[in-house]
Amino acid sequence: MARSPLQVLIHEVGKFGVVGAICYAIDFAVSNLCHTLLGMGPLSAKTVSTVIAATCAYVGNRQWSFNHRARTGIRREYTLFVILNAIGLVIALACLGFAKYVLHLEGVLAFNLFGNVLGTGLGTIFRFWTYKKYVFLHPDHPKVAVLPVKDQRIPEPAAQA
């Protein structure tokens, strides 16, 4: 039985949320480690943590969250993924920069509230929408038929018992 578009969306959001929660924990831990223990500035710490978490997110989303979508080649997908995550990083950095340089808020609470809650939250909404629209394409998307895909396999029909 085929799933309705709403069921597919709920399924994708759920899996994306699990991958996101794991990567959020990685991002949170690494950003705080870099900022508090290693003495990096807040923007540098957030950049390092986002790069590490985004790489983990690509693997999780490609292999699990959106594994039912067409595979259009790792080079294309990962390039778009990196570009869109860079925009997501800019969103997080803008929130963090606003807190630090406009509101003059300092300290761990401001860093976490603006960088890890608000910035990451807004970035996550942006990333979910753009992953579905540009990175992990629906199998019926016109670009799927045009792109040469070496690693896409068509499943064998199930044998009748």
N, C-alpha and C. Protein backbone atom coordinates (compact mmCIF):
# COMPACT_ATOMS: atom_id res chain seq x y z
N MET A 1 0.84 -1.19 0.00
CA MET A 1 0.00 0.00 0.00
C MET A 1 0.88 1.25 0.00
N ALA A 2 0.61 2.14 -0.90
CA ALA A 2 1.39 3.36 -1.02
C ALA A 2 1.03 4.34 0.10
N ARG A 3 2.01 5.06 0.52
CA ARG A 3 1.79 6.07 1.57
C ARG A 3 1.28 7.36 0.95
N SER A 4 0.47 8.06 1.72
CA SER A 4 0.00 9.36 1.27
C SER A 4 1.15 10.37 1.38
N PRO A 5 1.07 11.49 0.67
CA PRO A 5 2.12 12.50 0.79
C PRO A 5 2.31 12.98 2.24
N LEU A 6 1.23 13.06 3.00
CA LEU A 6 1.35 13.47 4.41
C LEU A 6 2.10 12.42 5.22
N GLN A 7 1.82 11.14 4.98
CA GLN A 7 2.52 10.08 5.69
C GLN A 7 4.01 10.08 5.35
N VAL A 8 4.34 10.30 4.08
CA VAL A 8 5.75 10.38 3.67
C VAL A 8 6.42 11.56 4.36
N LEU A 9 5.75 12.71 4.39
CA LEU A 9 6.31 13.90 5.04
C LEU A 9 6.55 13.63 6.53
N ILE A 10 5.59 13.04 7.20
CA ILE A 10 5.74 12.75 8.63
C ILE A 10 6.91 11.78 8.84
N HIS A 11 7.01 10.78 8.00
CA HIS A 11 8.10 9.80 8.07
C HIS A 11 9.46 10.49 7.89
N GLU A 12 9.55 11.36 6.86
CA GLU A 12 10.80 12.08 6.60
C GLU A 12 11.15 13.02 7.74
N VAL A 13 10.17 13.75 8.24
CA VAL A 13 10.42 14.68 9.35
C VAL A 13 10.91 13.91 10.57
N GLY A 14 10.30 12.76 10.85
CA GLY A 14 10.72 11.96 11.99
C GLY A 14 12.15 11.49 11.89
N LYS A 15 12.51 10.92 10.75
CA LYS A 15 13.88 10.45 10.55
C LYS A 15 14.86 11.61 10.53
N PHE A 16 14.49 12.69 9.85
CA PHE A 16 15.33 13.89 9.81
C PHE A 16 15.54 14.41 11.23
N GLY A 17 14.49 14.35 12.04
CA GLY A 17 14.59 14.80 13.42
C GLY A 17 15.55 13.96 14.25
N VAL A 18 15.53 12.64 14.05
CA VAL A 18 16.45 11.77 14.78
C VAL A 18 17.89 12.06 14.38
N VAL A 19 18.14 12.12 13.07
CA VAL A 19 19.49 12.45 12.59
C VAL A 19 19.88 13.84 13.10
N GLY A 20 18.95 14.77 13.01
CA GLY A 20 19.22 16.13 13.48
C GLY A 20 19.53 16.19 14.96
N ALA A 21 18.82 15.42 15.76
CA ALA A 21 19.07 15.41 17.21
C ALA A 21 20.47 14.88 17.52
N ILE A 22 20.86 13.81 16.84
CA ILE A 22 22.20 13.27 17.04
C ILE A 22 23.25 14.29 16.61
N CYS A 23 23.04 14.89 15.46
CA CYS A 23 24.01 15.88 14.95
C CYS A 23 23.99 17.16 15.77
N TYR A 24 22.83 17.51 16.31
CA TYR A 24 22.74 18.66 17.21
C TYR A 24 23.59 18.42 18.45
N ALA A 25 23.51 17.20 19.00
CA ALA A 25 24.33 16.87 20.18
C ALA A 25 25.81 16.96 19.84
N ILE A 26 26.18 16.49 18.66
CA ILE A 26 27.58 16.61 18.21
C ILE A 26 27.95 18.07 18.08
N ASP A 27 27.11 18.86 17.42
CA ASP A 27 27.36 20.30 17.21
C ASP A 27 27.48 21.02 18.56
N PHE A 28 26.55 20.75 19.45
CA PHE A 28 26.54 21.39 20.77
C PHE A 28 27.81 21.06 21.54
N ALA A 29 28.15 19.77 21.59
CA ALA A 29 29.33 19.34 22.35
C ALA A 29 30.62 19.91 21.77
N VAL A 30 30.76 19.82 20.45
CA VAL A 30 31.99 20.31 19.82
C VAL A 30 32.11 21.82 19.94
N SER A 31 31.00 22.55 19.74
CA SER A 31 31.07 24.02 19.84
C SER A 31 31.45 24.46 21.25
N ASN A 32 30.88 23.81 22.25
CA ASN A 32 31.22 24.16 23.62
C ASN A 32 32.64 23.73 23.98
N LEU A 33 33.07 22.58 23.50
CA LEU A 33 34.44 22.13 23.72
C LEU A 33 35.42 23.12 23.12
N CYS A 34 35.18 23.49 21.87
CA CYS A 34 36.08 24.44 21.19
C CYS A 34 36.08 25.81 21.86
N HIS A 35 34.88 26.27 22.26
CA HIS A 35 34.76 27.62 22.81
C HIS A 35 35.27 27.71 24.25
N THR A 36 34.86 26.77 25.09
CA THR A 36 35.19 26.89 26.51
C THR A 36 36.51 26.23 26.87
N LEU A 37 36.77 25.04 26.35
CA LEU A 37 37.99 24.34 26.74
C LEU A 37 39.19 24.68 25.87
N LEU A 38 38.96 24.88 24.58
CA LEU A 38 40.08 25.18 23.69
C LEU A 38 40.28 26.68 23.47
N GLY A 39 39.37 27.50 24.00
CA GLY A 39 39.53 28.95 23.93
C GLY A 39 39.30 29.58 22.57
N MET A 40 38.63 28.89 21.68
CA MET A 40 38.34 29.47 20.36
C MET A 40 37.26 30.54 20.51
N GLY A 41 37.26 31.50 19.61
CA GLY A 41 36.21 32.50 19.59
C GLY A 41 34.87 31.85 19.26
N PRO A 42 33.76 32.51 19.59
CA PRO A 42 32.45 31.90 19.37
C PRO A 42 32.15 31.58 17.91
N LEU A 43 32.53 32.46 16.99
CA LEU A 43 32.23 32.20 15.58
C LEU A 43 33.09 31.07 15.03
N SER A 44 34.36 31.02 15.42
CA SER A 44 35.24 29.92 14.98
C SER A 44 34.78 28.59 15.55
N ALA A 45 34.42 28.59 16.83
CA ALA A 45 33.96 27.36 17.47
C ALA A 45 32.70 26.84 16.80
N LYS A 46 31.78 27.73 16.46
CA LYS A 46 30.53 27.33 15.81
C LYS A 46 30.80 26.82 14.39
N THR A 47 31.76 27.41 13.71
CA THR A 47 32.10 26.97 12.36
C THR A 47 32.66 25.55 12.39
N VAL A 48 33.60 25.29 13.28
CA VAL A 48 34.20 23.95 13.40
C VAL A 48 33.12 22.92 13.73
N SER A 49 32.30 23.23 14.71
CA SER A 49 31.27 22.27 15.13
C SER A 49 30.25 22.01 14.03
N THR A 50 29.92 23.01 13.26
CA THR A 50 28.94 22.85 12.18
C THR A 50 29.49 21.99 11.06
N VAL A 51 30.75 22.15 10.73
CA VAL A 51 31.37 21.33 9.68
C VAL A 51 31.35 19.85 10.09
N ILE A 52 31.71 19.57 11.33
CA ILE A 52 31.72 18.18 11.81
C ILE A 52 30.30 17.62 11.84
N ALA A 53 29.37 18.36 12.40
CA ALA A 53 27.99 17.89 12.50
C ALA A 53 27.35 17.73 11.12
N ALA A 54 27.65 18.63 10.20
CA ALA A 54 27.06 18.56 8.86
C ALA A 54 27.54 17.32 8.10
N THR A 55 28.77 16.94 8.28
CA THR A 55 29.27 15.74 7.62
C THR A 55 28.54 14.50 8.16
N CYS A 56 28.36 14.45 9.46
CA CYS A 56 27.58 13.35 10.05
C CYS A 56 26.13 13.39 9.55
N ALA A 57 25.58 14.56 9.40
CA ALA A 57 24.20 14.71 8.93
C ALA A 57 24.03 14.23 7.50
N TYR A 58 25.00 14.51 6.64
CA TYR A 58 24.89 14.04 5.26
C TYR A 58 24.78 12.52 5.22
N VAL A 59 25.66 11.86 5.94
CA VAL A 59 25.65 10.39 5.95
C VAL A 59 24.32 9.88 6.50
N GLY A 60 23.88 10.42 7.61
CA GLY A 60 22.62 9.97 8.21
C GLY A 60 21.42 10.23 7.34
N ASN A 61 21.37 11.40 6.73
CA ASN A 61 20.22 11.73 5.88
C ASN A 61 20.23 10.94 4.58
N ARG A 62 21.39 10.78 3.97
CA ARG A 62 21.46 10.03 2.71
C ARG A 62 21.14 8.55 2.94
N GLN A 63 21.68 7.99 4.01
CA GLN A 63 21.54 6.55 4.24
C GLN A 63 20.25 6.17 4.95
N TRP A 64 19.60 7.13 5.62
CA TRP A 64 18.42 6.76 6.40
C TRP A 64 17.22 7.66 6.16
N SER A 65 17.35 8.96 6.42
CA SER A 65 16.18 9.87 6.32
C SER A 65 15.57 9.91 4.94
N PHE A 66 16.43 10.01 3.93
CA PHE A 66 15.95 10.15 2.56
C PHE A 66 16.41 8.99 1.69
N ASN A 67 16.56 7.80 2.27
CA ASN A 67 17.07 6.66 1.50
C ASN A 67 16.06 6.18 0.44
N HIS A 68 14.81 6.57 0.54
CA HIS A 68 13.80 6.20 -0.44
C HIS A 68 13.77 7.13 -1.65
N ARG A 69 14.53 8.19 -1.58
CA ARG A 69 14.56 9.14 -2.69
C ARG A 69 15.64 8.74 -3.69
N ALA A 70 15.57 9.33 -4.88
CA ALA A 70 16.51 8.98 -5.94
C ALA A 70 17.94 9.34 -5.54
N ARG A 71 18.85 8.53 -5.98
CA ARG A 71 20.28 8.82 -5.78
C ARG A 71 20.77 9.46 -7.07
N THR A 72 21.23 10.68 -6.94
CA THR A 72 21.64 11.42 -8.13
C THR A 72 23.14 11.64 -8.18
N GLY A 73 23.87 10.85 -7.44
CA GLY A 73 25.33 10.95 -7.45
C GLY A 73 25.85 11.68 -6.24
N ILE A 74 26.84 11.09 -5.61
CA ILE A 74 27.38 11.66 -4.37
C ILE A 74 28.01 13.03 -4.62
N ARG A 75 28.65 13.22 -5.75
CA ARG A 75 29.30 14.51 -6.03
C ARG A 75 28.26 15.63 -6.08
N ARG A 76 27.17 15.40 -6.82
CA ARG A 76 26.11 16.41 -6.92
C ARG A 76 25.46 16.65 -5.56
N GLU A 77 25.07 15.55 -4.91
CA GLU A 77 24.38 15.67 -3.63
C GLU A 77 25.24 16.33 -2.56
N TYR A 78 26.48 15.86 -2.43
CA TYR A 78 27.32 16.39 -1.36
C TYR A 78 27.70 17.85 -1.61
N THR A 79 27.91 18.21 -2.88
CA THR A 79 28.21 19.61 -3.21
C THR A 79 27.05 20.51 -2.81
N LEU A 80 25.83 20.13 -3.20
CA LEU A 80 24.66 20.91 -2.81
C LEU A 80 24.48 20.91 -1.30
N PHE A 81 24.70 19.76 -0.69
CA PHE A 81 24.57 19.62 0.76
C PHE A 81 25.51 20.60 1.47
N VAL A 82 26.75 20.67 1.01
CA VAL A 82 27.74 21.57 1.62
C VAL A 82 27.33 23.03 1.42
N ILE A 83 26.89 23.36 0.22
CA ILE A 83 26.46 24.75 -0.05
C ILE A 83 25.28 25.12 0.85
N LEU A 84 24.29 24.25 0.94
CA LEU A 84 23.11 24.55 1.75
C LEU A 84 23.45 24.58 3.24
N ASN A 85 24.38 23.73 3.67
CA ASN A 85 24.82 23.78 5.06
C ASN A 85 25.63 25.04 5.34
N ALA A 86 26.35 25.53 4.35
CA ALA A 86 27.07 26.80 4.52
C ALA A 86 26.06 27.93 4.74
N ILE A 87 24.95 27.90 4.00
CA ILE A 87 23.90 28.90 4.22
C ILE A 87 23.29 28.72 5.60
N GLY A 88 23.06 27.46 6.01
CA GLY A 88 22.57 27.19 7.36
C GLY A 88 23.54 27.70 8.42
N LEU A 89 24.83 27.55 8.16
CA LEU A 89 25.85 28.08 9.07
C LEU A 89 25.77 29.60 9.15
N VAL A 90 25.59 30.25 8.01
CA VAL A 90 25.46 31.71 7.99
C VAL A 90 24.26 32.14 8.83
N ILE A 91 23.18 31.39 8.76
CA ILE A 91 21.99 31.70 9.57
C ILE A 91 22.35 31.63 11.05
N ALA A 92 23.04 30.55 11.46
CA ALA A 92 23.45 30.40 12.87
C ALA A 92 24.43 31.48 13.28
N LEU A 93 25.40 31.77 12.41
CA LEU A 93 26.39 32.81 12.73
C LEU A 93 25.74 34.19 12.80
N ALA A 94 24.74 34.44 11.95
CA ALA A 94 24.04 35.72 11.99
C ALA A 94 23.33 35.90 13.34
N CYS A 95 22.70 34.84 13.81
CA CYS A 95 22.04 34.90 15.13
C CYS A 95 23.06 35.13 16.23
N LEU A 96 24.16 34.40 16.17
CA LEU A 96 25.21 34.53 17.16
C LEU A 96 25.88 35.90 17.09
N GLY A 97 26.16 36.35 15.88
CA GLY A 97 26.76 37.68 15.69
C GLY A 97 25.85 38.80 16.15
N PHE A 98 24.55 38.65 15.91
CA PHE A 98 23.58 39.65 16.36
C PHE A 98 23.62 39.76 17.88
N ALA A 99 23.65 38.61 18.56
CA ALA A 99 23.69 38.61 20.02
C ALA A 99 24.97 39.27 20.53
N LYS A 100 26.08 38.92 19.91
CA LYS A 100 27.38 39.40 20.41
C LYS A 100 27.64 40.86 20.04
N TYR A 101 27.45 41.20 18.79
CA TYR A 101 27.88 42.51 18.30
C TYR A 101 26.79 43.58 18.30
N VAL A 102 25.53 43.20 18.29
CA VAL A 102 24.45 44.19 18.32
C VAL A 102 23.88 44.31 19.73
N LEU A 103 23.56 43.16 20.33
CA LEU A 103 22.98 43.18 21.67
C LEU A 103 24.04 43.19 22.77
N HIS A 104 25.30 42.96 22.40
CA HIS A 104 26.45 42.94 23.33
C HIS A 104 26.25 41.92 24.45
N LEU A 105 25.71 40.77 24.08
CA LEU A 105 25.52 39.69 25.05
C LEU A 105 26.74 38.78 25.01
N GLU A 106 27.28 38.47 26.15
CA GLU A 106 28.46 37.61 26.27
C GLU A 106 28.10 36.43 27.15
N GLY A 107 28.96 35.45 27.20
CA GLY A 107 28.80 34.34 28.11
C GLY A 107 28.22 33.11 27.46
N VAL A 108 28.27 32.02 28.21
CA VAL A 108 27.85 30.71 27.71
C VAL A 108 26.35 30.67 27.43
N LEU A 109 25.54 31.30 28.25
CA LEU A 109 24.09 31.28 28.03
C LEU A 109 23.73 31.96 26.72
N ALA A 110 24.27 33.14 26.47
CA ALA A 110 23.99 33.85 25.22
C ALA A 110 24.52 33.07 24.02
N PHE A 111 25.72 32.51 24.17
CA PHE A 111 26.31 31.71 23.09
C PHE A 111 25.40 30.54 22.73
N ASN A 112 24.93 29.83 23.73
CA ASN A 112 24.09 28.66 23.47
C ASN A 112 22.68 29.04 23.02
N LEU A 113 22.11 30.07 23.61
CA LEU A 113 20.76 30.48 23.23
C LEU A 113 20.71 30.96 21.78
N PHE A 114 21.62 31.86 21.41
CA PHE A 114 21.58 32.43 20.07
C PHE A 114 22.24 31.55 19.02
N GLY A 115 23.32 30.85 19.39
CA GLY A 115 24.01 30.01 18.42
C GLY A 115 23.43 28.62 18.29
N ASN A 116 23.17 27.99 19.43
CA ASN A 116 22.77 26.59 19.41
C ASN A 116 21.26 26.36 19.48
N VAL A 117 20.49 27.33 19.89
CA VAL A 117 19.03 27.15 19.91
C VAL A 117 18.39 27.91 18.74
N LEU A 118 18.50 29.22 18.75
CA LEU A 118 17.86 30.02 17.71
C LEU A 118 18.51 29.80 16.34
N GLY A 119 19.83 29.94 16.27
CA GLY A 119 20.52 29.81 14.99
C GLY A 119 20.39 28.42 14.39
N THR A 120 20.61 27.42 15.22
CA THR A 120 20.50 26.05 14.73
C THR A 120 19.05 25.71 14.39
N GLY A 121 18.11 26.20 15.16
CA GLY A 121 16.69 25.95 14.87
C GLY A 121 16.26 26.52 13.53
N LEU A 122 16.60 27.78 13.29
CA LEU A 122 16.26 28.39 12.00
C LEU A 122 16.99 27.70 10.85
N GLY A 123 18.26 27.37 11.08
CA GLY A 123 19.04 26.67 10.06
C GLY A 123 18.46 25.30 9.75
N THR A 124 17.94 24.62 10.75
CA THR A 124 17.36 23.29 10.56
C THR A 124 16.11 23.34 9.69
N ILE A 125 15.26 24.31 9.91
CA ILE A 125 14.07 24.48 9.08
C ILE A 125 14.48 24.71 7.63
N PHE A 126 15.45 25.60 7.43
CA PHE A 126 15.96 25.89 6.09
C PHE A 126 16.53 24.62 5.45
N ARG A 127 17.34 23.88 6.20
CA ARG A 127 17.98 22.69 5.65
C ARG A 127 16.97 21.61 5.27
N PHE A 128 15.98 21.34 6.09
CA PHE A 128 14.99 20.31 5.76
C PHE A 128 14.31 20.64 4.44
N TRP A 129 13.86 21.86 4.32
CA TRP A 129 13.17 22.27 3.09
C TRP A 129 14.09 22.15 1.87
N THR A 130 15.32 22.62 1.99
CA THR A 130 16.21 22.61 0.83
C THR A 130 16.74 21.21 0.51
N TYR A 131 16.93 20.35 1.51
CA TYR A 131 17.36 18.97 1.22
C TYR A 131 16.31 18.28 0.37
N LYS A 132 15.04 18.44 0.75
CA LYS A 132 13.96 17.81 0.00
C LYS A 132 13.84 18.40 -1.41
N LYS A 133 14.05 19.68 -1.52
CA LYS A 133 13.84 20.35 -2.79
C LYS A 133 15.03 20.23 -3.76
N TYR A 134 16.25 20.24 -3.23
CA TYR A 134 17.43 20.32 -4.10
C TYR A 134 18.41 19.16 -3.98
N VAL A 135 18.54 18.53 -2.83
CA VAL A 135 19.59 17.52 -2.64
C VAL A 135 19.07 16.12 -2.88
N PHE A 136 18.10 15.70 -2.08
CA PHE A 136 17.57 14.34 -2.17
C PHE A 136 16.26 14.40 -2.94
N LEU A 137 16.36 14.27 -4.24
CA LEU A 137 15.22 14.51 -5.12
C LEU A 137 14.22 13.36 -5.11
N HIS A 138 12.97 13.72 -5.32
CA HIS A 138 11.91 12.73 -5.47
C HIS A 138 12.21 11.94 -6.75
N PRO A 139 11.96 10.64 -6.76
CA PRO A 139 12.27 9.83 -7.95
C PRO A 139 11.61 10.32 -9.24
N ASP A 140 10.49 11.04 -9.13
CA ASP A 140 9.80 11.55 -10.32
C ASP A 140 10.31 12.92 -10.78
N HIS A 141 11.27 13.49 -10.06
CA HIS A 141 11.80 14.81 -10.41
C HIS A 141 12.46 14.74 -11.78
N PRO A 142 12.25 15.76 -12.63
CA PRO A 142 12.82 15.74 -13.99
C PRO A 142 14.35 15.59 -14.02
N LYS A 143 15.05 16.14 -13.05
CA LYS A 143 16.52 16.05 -13.05
C LYS A 143 17.00 14.63 -12.79
N VAL A 144 16.19 13.82 -12.14
CA VAL A 144 16.59 12.45 -11.85
C VAL A 144 16.79 11.67 -13.14
N ALA A 145 15.89 11.84 -14.10
CA ALA A 145 15.99 11.11 -15.36
C ALA A 145 17.14 11.60 -16.22
N VAL A 146 17.54 12.87 -16.07
CA VAL A 146 18.57 13.47 -16.89
C VAL A 146 19.97 13.14 -16.38
N LEU A 147 20.13 13.07 -15.07
CA LEU A 147 21.44 12.86 -14.48
C LEU A 147 21.88 11.41 -14.62
N PRO A 148 23.13 11.19 -15.08
CA PRO A 148 23.63 9.82 -15.10
C PRO A 148 23.96 9.38 -13.68
N VAL A 149 23.40 8.29 -13.28
CA VAL A 149 23.59 7.81 -11.92
C VAL A 149 24.20 6.42 -11.99
N LYS A 150 25.41 6.29 -11.47
CA LYS A 150 26.10 5.01 -11.51
C LYS A 150 25.69 4.12 -10.34
N ASP A 151 25.44 4.73 -9.18
CA ASP A 151 25.19 3.93 -7.99
C ASP A 151 23.72 3.67 -7.73
N GLN A 152 22.82 4.12 -8.61
CA GLN A 152 21.40 3.88 -8.40
C GLN A 152 21.05 2.49 -8.91
N ARG A 153 20.46 1.70 -8.05
CA ARG A 153 20.08 0.35 -8.41
C ARG A 153 18.56 0.23 -8.40
N ILE A 154 18.05 -0.48 -9.38
CA ILE A 154 16.61 -0.71 -9.43
C ILE A 154 16.36 -2.03 -8.71
N PRO A 155 15.51 -2.00 -7.69
CA PRO A 155 15.28 -3.24 -6.96
C PRO A 155 14.63 -4.30 -7.82
N GLU A 156 15.01 -5.53 -7.55
CA GLU A 156 14.42 -6.67 -8.25
C GLU A 156 12.97 -6.83 -7.79
N PRO A 157 12.07 -7.26 -8.69
CA PRO A 157 10.70 -7.50 -8.24
C PRO A 157 10.69 -8.65 -7.24
N ALA A 158 9.81 -8.54 -6.26
CA ALA A 158 9.71 -9.59 -5.24
C ALA A 158 9.16 -10.85 -5.87
N ALA A 159 9.72 -11.97 -5.49
CA ALA A 159 9.28 -13.24 -6.02
C ALA A 159 7.93 -13.62 -5.44
N GLN A 160 7.07 -14.14 -6.26
CA GLN A 160 5.75 -14.58 -5.80
C GLN A 160 5.90 -15.92 -5.07
N ALA A 161 5.26 -16.08 -3.94
CA ALA A 161 5.37 -17.34 -3.20
C ALA A 161 4.36 -18.37 -3.66
